[in-house]
């Protein structure tokens, strides 16, 4: 009998309660599975029970009725011999047993993890929970690895691996040389529903001139997102232009202490550069509002899988300048605006788009057409096909 998601009980595993690209992917999938496949979805949150208001809002909209948490995640046994390491083993078994006992009453059929640590835990729950028939390793590009025994064993024995871009498989091609037959490329999907709004009123709210060309970067305030590179490029470029422009940066300063520090640092840099009238650094601002006024979307970063931000720019018909990561290359396909993280190249590409409305329109229409291929129903259908290969 072939696998289908119809009427399944799903457990999704996430690291944090902040709304980043990974969490939006989880909520988008949960919404589709509950509404179209009559699934029941719960979330297991690993590192803490904290949830931002934005996260809670999206969880509710996705019909997630319960977010589980069983204390801080602890699943590590290092490749060393020491008393402390033996204690780690004991604590890990205690954590696994606690999570097992907490989840058993729910009787999940499928576990869908997001990122490496959730994937590691998913494997052991797959073995410990008799109701679970399917799980996999879900590698999304921007993630860390521990290299401990629990991770090593899980990586070698996981039924299969899904990555949303080619660079997601580096861990399994180099560190864990598992059979290539286990590796499956499955690009993710657009989760944000387009909502058209009055751009002039949004610009007025942000004190942005109606005729200004708006450059925007939407991303989490994290060190792997190169906001400073964009701000420095804009600072060097802004007074050379004959066109009025405005730069908007959006993240969520409330995700954690590091996010707040990055937000504060950017605000200080704007003051240092005396760009208060040209740059807005925002937090907790509705993404759809910003997408309605952006003329050029930017995502420059250290690493990406297949970035939600780029997909969202594309869905609004916005031209995109992005770092040439494999996931960005797959989405934007031979675009002249895929770049290295180089300030001179970034300045040149921004200037090219700023100075030509015709070029912005051509790129935007091209992007809007391409993004239609990345939707949740197709993703779920392809995921069902992959699962059936391994059952």
Protein backbone atom coordinates (compact mmCIF):
# COMPACT_ATOMS: atom_id res chain seq x y z
CA UNK A 1 0.00 0.00 0.00
CA UNK A 2 1.49 3.34 -1.05
CA UNK A 3 2.06 6.11 1.46
CA UNK A 4 -0.16 9.20 1.56
CA UNK A 5 -0.34 12.02 4.09
CA UNK A 6 -4.12 11.69 4.26
CA UNK A 7 -5.41 11.63 7.86
CA UNK A 8 -1.96 11.22 9.39
CA UNK A 9 -0.78 12.38 12.79
CA UNK A 10 2.32 14.50 12.19
CA UNK A 11 4.98 15.55 14.67
CA UNK A 12 7.18 18.41 13.45
CA UNK A 13 10.42 19.11 15.32
CA UNK A 14 11.83 22.65 15.45
CA UNK A 15 14.72 24.18 17.36
CA UNK A 16 13.32 27.55 18.42
CA UNK A 17 10.15 29.56 18.87
CA UNK A 18 11.19 32.45 16.64
CA UNK A 19 9.72 32.95 13.18
CA UNK A 20 12.54 32.50 10.70
CA UNK A 21 12.54 30.88 7.26
CA UNK A 22 12.64 27.37 8.71
CA UNK A 23 9.65 27.98 10.94
CA UNK A 24 7.68 29.56 8.10
CA UNK A 25 8.35 26.45 6.05
CA UNK A 26 7.07 24.26 8.88
CA UNK A 27 3.93 26.34 9.37
CA UNK A 28 3.21 26.49 5.63
CA UNK A 29 3.43 22.72 5.39
CA UNK A 30 1.33 22.25 8.53
CA UNK A 31 -1.38 24.53 7.15
CA UNK A 32 -1.60 22.57 3.92
CA UNK A 33 -1.55 19.16 5.62
CA UNK A 34 -4.30 20.10 8.07
CA UNK A 35 -6.54 21.85 5.53
CA UNK A 36 -6.05 19.61 2.49
CA UNK A 37 -4.98 16.25 3.93
CA UNK A 38 -6.99 16.22 7.18
CA UNK A 39 -3.83 15.75 9.22
CA UNK A 40 -3.32 16.57 12.87
CA UNK A 41 -0.05 18.40 13.47
CA UNK A 42 1.83 19.01 16.68
CA UNK A 43 5.20 20.70 17.13
CA UNK A 44 8.01 19.59 19.41
CA UNK A 45 10.19 22.59 20.24
CA UNK A 46 13.66 21.68 21.47
CA UNK A 47 15.72 24.41 23.08
CA UNK A 48 13.11 26.29 25.07
CA UNK A 49 9.40 26.84 25.38
CA UNK A 50 9.73 30.54 24.46
CA UNK A 51 7.68 31.67 21.46
CA UNK A 52 7.55 35.11 19.89
CA UNK A 53 4.12 36.64 19.31
CA UNK A 54 4.74 36.36 15.56
CA UNK A 55 5.49 32.64 15.96
CA UNK A 56 2.32 32.08 18.02
CA UNK A 57 0.24 33.90 15.43
CA UNK A 58 1.52 31.76 12.55
CA UNK A 59 1.16 28.56 14.57
CA UNK A 60 -2.49 29.38 15.19
CA UNK A 61 -3.09 30.21 11.53
CA UNK A 62 -1.54 26.85 10.62
CA UNK A 63 -3.98 24.98 12.91
CA UNK A 64 -1.29 23.81 15.30
CA UNK A 65 -3.13 23.25 18.54
CA UNK A 66 -0.18 22.28 20.71
CA UNK A 67 3.52 23.06 20.92
CA UNK A 68 5.33 20.47 23.06
CA UNK A 69 8.50 21.01 25.05
CA UNK A 70 10.18 18.60 27.46
CA UNK A 71 13.00 20.72 28.83
CA UNK A 72 16.18 21.84 27.07
CA UNK A 73 17.30 19.42 24.38
CA UNK A 74 20.20 17.20 25.41
CA UNK A 75 21.39 14.52 23.02
CA UNK A 76 25.17 14.38 22.79
CA UNK A 77 27.89 11.80 23.42
CA UNK A 78 31.26 13.12 22.30
CA UNK A 79 33.97 10.97 20.74
CA UNK A 80 36.12 11.01 23.87
CA UNK A 81 36.55 8.99 27.05
CA UNK A 82 35.90 10.91 30.25
CA UNK A 83 33.67 10.87 33.31
CA UNK A 84 31.90 13.95 32.02
CA UNK A 85 31.20 12.24 28.73
CA UNK A 86 29.68 9.25 30.50
CA UNK A 87 27.43 11.71 32.33
CA UNK A 88 26.44 13.17 28.95
CA UNK A 89 25.41 9.69 27.86
CA UNK A 90 23.27 9.28 30.98
CA UNK A 91 21.64 12.71 30.51
CA UNK A 92 20.98 11.94 26.85
CA UNK A 93 19.20 8.68 27.65
CA UNK A 94 17.16 10.46 30.31
CA UNK A 95 16.15 13.15 27.80
CA UNK A 96 15.24 10.57 25.15
CA UNK A 97 13.08 8.66 27.63
CA UNK A 98 11.36 11.85 28.80
CA UNK A 99 10.53 12.87 25.23
CA UNK A 100 9.40 9.33 24.36
CA UNK A 101 7.03 9.19 27.31
CA UNK A 102 5.64 12.62 26.51
CA UNK A 103 4.94 11.84 22.85
CA UNK A 104 3.65 8.26 23.12
CA UNK A 105 0.03 9.33 23.89
CA UNK A 106 -0.10 11.36 20.67
CA UNK A 107 0.82 8.29 18.54
CA UNK A 108 2.41 10.16 15.60
CA UNK A 109 2.56 8.37 12.24
CA UNK A 110 5.20 10.65 10.71
CA UNK A 111 7.99 12.79 12.16
CA UNK A 112 9.11 15.76 10.05
CA UNK A 113 12.22 17.44 11.47
CA UNK A 114 13.62 20.78 10.33
CA UNK A 115 17.44 21.15 10.46
CA UNK A 116 20.15 18.89 11.88
CA UNK A 117 19.53 18.63 15.62
CA UNK A 118 15.81 17.93 15.11
CA UNK A 119 16.78 15.36 12.47
CA UNK A 120 19.12 13.62 14.89
CA UNK A 121 16.37 13.39 17.51
CA UNK A 122 13.83 12.32 14.88
CA UNK A 123 15.84 9.19 14.13
CA UNK A 124 15.84 8.01 17.75
CA UNK A 125 12.15 8.78 18.22
CA UNK A 126 11.50 6.83 15.03
CA UNK A 127 13.15 3.84 16.73
CA UNK A 128 11.58 4.41 20.15
CA UNK A 129 7.97 5.16 19.18
CA UNK A 130 6.09 2.14 17.77
CA UNK A 131 3.52 4.32 15.99
CA UNK A 132 6.08 6.15 13.80
CA UNK A 133 6.42 4.70 10.32
CA UNK A 134 8.33 7.47 8.54
CA UNK A 135 11.01 10.04 9.26
CA UNK A 136 14.05 11.43 7.47
CA UNK A 137 17.01 13.77 7.86
CA UNK A 138 15.97 17.26 6.75
CA UNK A 139 18.98 19.42 5.88
CA UNK A 140 18.17 23.00 4.92
CA UNK A 141 21.60 24.49 4.25
CA UNK A 142 22.37 26.93 7.05
CA UNK A 143 22.96 24.68 10.03
CA UNK A 144 25.60 23.35 12.40
CA UNK A 145 26.77 19.83 13.22
CA UNK A 146 28.13 18.29 16.41
CA UNK A 147 29.89 15.23 15.02
CA UNK A 148 29.15 13.26 18.20
CA UNK A 149 28.23 9.57 18.35
CA UNK A 150 24.47 10.19 18.44
CA UNK A 151 24.68 12.31 15.29
CA UNK A 152 27.05 9.91 13.55
CA UNK A 153 24.87 6.86 14.21
CA UNK A 154 21.68 8.68 13.20
CA UNK A 155 23.23 10.07 9.99
CA UNK A 156 24.42 6.63 8.88
CA UNK A 157 21.16 4.89 9.70
CA UNK A 158 18.47 7.45 8.85
CA UNK A 159 16.11 6.00 6.22
CA UNK A 160 16.77 8.86 3.78
CA UNK A 161 17.89 12.49 3.51
CA UNK A 162 16.09 15.48 2.00
CA UNK A 163 17.90 18.68 1.07
CA UNK A 164 16.37 21.74 -0.54
CA UNK A 165 19.53 22.67 -2.46
CA UNK A 166 22.63 20.83 -3.68
CA UNK A 167 24.89 22.25 -0.96
CA UNK A 168 22.71 20.56 1.68
CA UNK A 169 24.34 17.22 0.90
CA UNK A 170 27.94 18.23 1.67
CA UNK A 171 27.69 16.82 5.20
CA UNK A 172 26.67 13.42 3.83
CA UNK A 173 29.13 13.38 0.94
CA UNK A 174 32.15 14.30 3.06
CA UNK A 175 31.74 13.67 6.78
CA UNK A 176 29.12 10.92 6.63
CA UNK A 177 29.68 9.07 3.39
CA UNK A 178 26.27 7.47 3.19
CA UNK A 179 24.97 5.91 -0.06
CA UNK A 180 23.95 8.46 -2.70
CA UNK A 181 20.72 6.52 -3.09
CA UNK A 182 19.60 8.02 0.25
CA UNK A 183 20.03 11.63 -0.90
CA UNK A 184 16.97 13.39 -2.31
CA UNK A 185 16.80 16.94 -3.64
CA UNK A 186 13.42 18.51 -2.92
CA UNK A 187 13.27 22.31 -3.31
CA UNK A 188 11.05 23.95 -0.77
CA UNK A 189 7.95 26.00 -1.41
CA UNK A 190 6.63 29.52 -1.20
CA UNK A 191 4.78 29.85 2.11
CA UNK A 192 3.78 33.51 2.10
CA UNK A 193 0.44 34.39 0.52
CA UNK A 194 0.66 37.55 -1.54
CA UNK A 195 -1.48 40.41 -0.21
CA UNK A 196 -1.62 43.58 -2.30
CA UNK A 197 -1.80 46.76 -0.22
CA UNK A 198 -1.67 50.52 -0.68
CA UNK A 199 2.06 51.12 -1.12
CA UNK A 200 1.80 54.90 -0.82
CA UNK A 201 0.28 54.70 2.66
CA UNK A 202 2.96 52.24 3.79
CA UNK A 203 5.68 54.55 2.47
CA UNK A 204 4.04 57.42 4.30
CA UNK A 205 4.02 55.39 7.54
CA UNK A 206 7.79 54.86 7.17
CA UNK A 207 8.53 58.43 5.98
CA UNK A 208 9.72 57.17 2.61
CA UNK A 209 9.20 59.52 -0.36
CA UNK A 210 6.57 58.20 -2.79
CA UNK A 211 8.94 58.38 -5.77
CA UNK A 212 11.98 56.85 -4.05
CA UNK A 213 13.40 53.55 -5.33
CA UNK A 214 13.18 51.29 -2.28
CA UNK A 215 15.89 48.68 -1.69
CA UNK A 216 14.98 46.09 0.93
CA UNK A 217 16.60 43.19 2.74
CA UNK A 218 14.40 40.91 4.82
CA UNK A 219 16.24 38.35 6.96
CA UNK A 220 16.76 37.23 10.53
CA UNK A 221 19.16 39.40 12.53
CA UNK A 222 21.95 36.81 12.57
CA UNK A 223 25.68 36.98 11.95
CA UNK A 224 25.42 34.90 8.75
CA UNK A 225 23.21 37.59 7.15
CA UNK A 226 25.40 40.34 5.75
CA UNK A 227 23.38 43.45 6.58
CA UNK A 228 26.58 45.43 7.10
CA UNK A 229 27.79 44.63 3.60
CA UNK A 230 24.55 46.01 2.16
CA UNK A 231 24.59 49.09 4.41
CA UNK A 232 28.23 49.84 3.55
CA UNK A 233 27.52 49.44 -0.18
CA UNK A 234 24.52 51.74 0.06
CA UNK A 235 26.50 54.34 2.02
CA UNK A 236 29.14 54.45 -0.72
CA UNK A 237 26.51 54.53 -3.46
CA UNK A 238 23.70 56.77 -2.24
CA UNK A 239 25.26 60.17 -2.93
CA UNK A 240 26.46 59.13 -6.40
CA UNK A 241 22.91 58.53 -7.63
CA UNK A 242 20.69 60.97 -9.46
CA UNK A 243 17.64 58.94 -8.39
CA UNK A 244 16.08 59.26 -4.93
CA UNK A 245 16.43 56.01 -2.97
CA UNK A 246 15.68 54.48 0.42
CA UNK A 247 17.06 51.35 2.09
CA UNK A 248 14.89 49.25 4.40
CA UNK A 249 16.26 46.43 6.56
CA UNK A 250 13.82 44.11 8.34
CA UNK A 251 14.38 41.38 10.91
CA UNK A 252 13.13 40.52 14.39
CA UNK A 253 15.19 41.97 17.24
CA UNK A 254 13.23 39.91 19.80
CA UNK A 255 14.38 36.49 18.64
CA UNK A 256 17.33 36.43 21.05
CA UNK A 257 20.06 38.61 22.59
CA UNK A 258 22.26 38.29 19.50
CA UNK A 259 19.44 39.53 17.26
CA UNK A 260 18.95 42.57 19.48
CA UNK A 261 22.67 43.40 19.39
CA UNK A 262 22.77 43.21 15.59
CA UNK A 263 19.68 45.43 15.37
CA UNK A 264 21.24 48.02 17.73
CA UNK A 265 24.54 47.91 15.85
CA UNK A 266 22.81 48.62 12.54
CA UNK A 267 20.89 51.54 14.06
CA UNK A 268 24.13 53.00 15.39
CA UNK A 269 25.84 52.58 12.03
CA UNK A 270 23.01 54.42 10.29
CA UNK A 271 23.56 57.34 12.69
CA UNK A 272 27.32 57.20 12.17
CA UNK A 273 26.84 57.38 8.39
CA UNK A 274 24.21 60.15 8.83
CA UNK A 275 21.73 58.17 6.78
CA UNK A 276 18.69 58.55 9.06
CA UNK A 277 16.68 60.05 6.19
CA UNK A 278 17.71 57.31 3.77
CA UNK A 279 17.70 54.08 5.83
CA UNK A 280 15.05 52.38 7.99
CA UNK A 281 16.08 49.51 10.29
CA UNK A 282 12.89 47.74 11.34
CA UNK A 283 11.71 44.96 13.64
CA UNK A 284 8.30 43.30 14.00
CA UNK A 285 7.01 45.00 10.87
CA UNK A 286 4.58 43.07 8.68
CA UNK A 287 6.54 41.37 5.87
CA UNK A 288 3.69 41.76 3.38
CA UNK A 289 3.65 45.52 4.03
CA UNK A 290 7.31 45.81 3.14
CA UNK A 291 7.01 43.58 0.08
CA UNK A 292 4.40 46.00 -1.26
CA UNK A 293 6.90 48.86 -1.41
CA UNK A 294 10.22 47.20 -2.27
CA UNK A 295 11.55 47.93 -5.77
CA UNK A 296 14.73 45.85 -5.37
CA UNK A 297 15.07 42.86 -3.03
CA UNK A 298 18.48 41.93 -1.60
CA UNK A 299 19.77 38.88 0.25
CA UNK A 300 23.50 38.80 0.88
CA UNK A 301 24.65 36.13 3.32
CA UNK A 302 27.27 33.59 4.32
CA UNK A 303 25.19 30.50 3.60
CA UNK A 304 21.68 29.58 2.45
CA UNK A 305 19.66 26.55 1.55
CA UNK A 306 16.75 27.73 -0.57
CA UNK A 307 15.88 31.07 1.02
CA UNK A 308 12.28 31.99 1.76
CA UNK A 309 13.16 35.66 1.40
CA UNK A 310 14.16 35.29 -2.25
CA UNK A 311 11.01 33.30 -2.97
CA UNK A 312 8.90 36.02 -1.36
CA UNK A 313 10.58 38.76 -3.38
CA UNK A 314 9.89 36.76 -6.52
CA UNK A 315 6.23 36.22 -5.66
CA UNK A 316 5.75 40.01 -5.56
CA UNK A 317 7.48 40.45 -8.90
CA UNK A 318 10.53 42.11 -7.35
CA UNK A 319 13.99 41.98 -9.00
CA UNK A 320 16.50 40.27 -6.72
CA UNK A 321 20.20 40.77 -5.98
CA UNK A 322 21.42 37.73 -4.04
CA UNK A 323 24.59 35.94 -3.05
CA UNK A 324 25.25 33.13 -5.50
CA UNK A 325 24.48 30.21 -3.17
CA UNK A 326 23.20 27.04 -4.89
CA UNK A 327 19.65 27.54 -3.64
CA UNK A 328 19.59 31.12 -4.93
CA UNK A 329 21.02 29.95 -8.25
CA UNK A 330 18.30 27.32 -8.54
CA UNK A 331 15.57 29.90 -7.90
CA UNK A 332 16.95 32.74 -10.02
CA UNK A 333 18.45 30.57 -12.81
CA UNK A 334 21.22 32.36 -14.72
CA UNK A 335 20.30 35.77 -13.37
CA UNK A 336 22.87 38.51 -13.87
CA UNK A 337 22.14 39.59 -10.31
CA UNK A 338 23.58 36.52 -8.56
CA UNK A 339 26.78 37.86 -7.03
CA UNK A 340 29.73 37.06 -4.77
CA UNK A 341 29.79 38.84 -1.41
CA UNK A 342 31.82 41.70 -2.85
CA UNK A 343 30.98 45.32 -2.08
CA UNK A 344 31.99 46.65 -5.51
CA UNK A 345 29.91 44.06 -7.35
CA UNK A 346 26.97 44.72 -5.03
CA UNK A 347 27.20 48.47 -5.67
CA UNK A 348 27.33 47.95 -9.43
CA UNK A 349 24.30 45.64 -9.49
CA UNK A 350 22.26 47.92 -7.24
CA UNK A 351 23.10 50.93 -9.40
CA UNK A 352 22.16 49.03 -12.54
CA UNK A 353 18.68 48.30 -11.19
CA UNK A 354 18.18 51.65 -9.49
CA UNK A 355 18.90 53.51 -12.73
CA UNK A 356 16.58 51.45 -14.95
CA UNK A 357 12.89 50.97 -14.22
CA UNK A 358 12.61 48.96 -17.44
CA UNK A 359 15.23 46.50 -16.22
CA UNK A 360 13.50 46.23 -12.83
CA UNK A 361 10.23 45.42 -14.59
CA UNK A 362 11.84 42.76 -16.81
CA UNK A 363 13.58 41.06 -13.88
CA UNK A 364 10.48 41.27 -11.66
CA UNK A 365 8.19 39.69 -14.26
CA UNK A 366 10.71 36.94 -14.89
CA UNK A 367 10.90 36.17 -11.18
CA UNK A 368 7.11 36.19 -10.71
CA UNK A 369 6.76 33.59 -13.48
CA UNK A 370 9.51 31.31 -12.16
CA UNK A 371 8.23 31.18 -8.58
CA UNK A 372 4.95 29.58 -9.67
CA UNK A 373 6.82 26.24 -9.84
CA UNK A 374 7.49 26.30 -6.07
CA UNK A 375 4.19 25.54 -4.35
CA UNK A 376 3.11 23.40 -1.40
CA UNK A 377 0.84 20.90 -3.25
CA UNK A 378 3.66 19.95 -5.63
CA UNK A 379 6.08 19.69 -2.71
CA UNK A 380 3.80 17.35 -0.75
CA UNK A 381 3.18 15.19 -3.83
CA UNK A 382 6.93 14.85 -4.45
CA UNK A 383 7.57 14.17 -0.75
CA UNK A 384 5.01 11.35 -0.84
CA UNK A 385 6.80 9.90 -3.86
CA UNK A 386 10.15 10.01 -2.08
CA UNK A 387 8.71 8.37 1.04
CA UNK A 388 7.26 5.56 -1.08
CA UNK A 389 10.75 4.80 -2.42
CA UNK A 390 11.91 3.81 1.06
CA UNK A 391 8.89 2.09 2.58
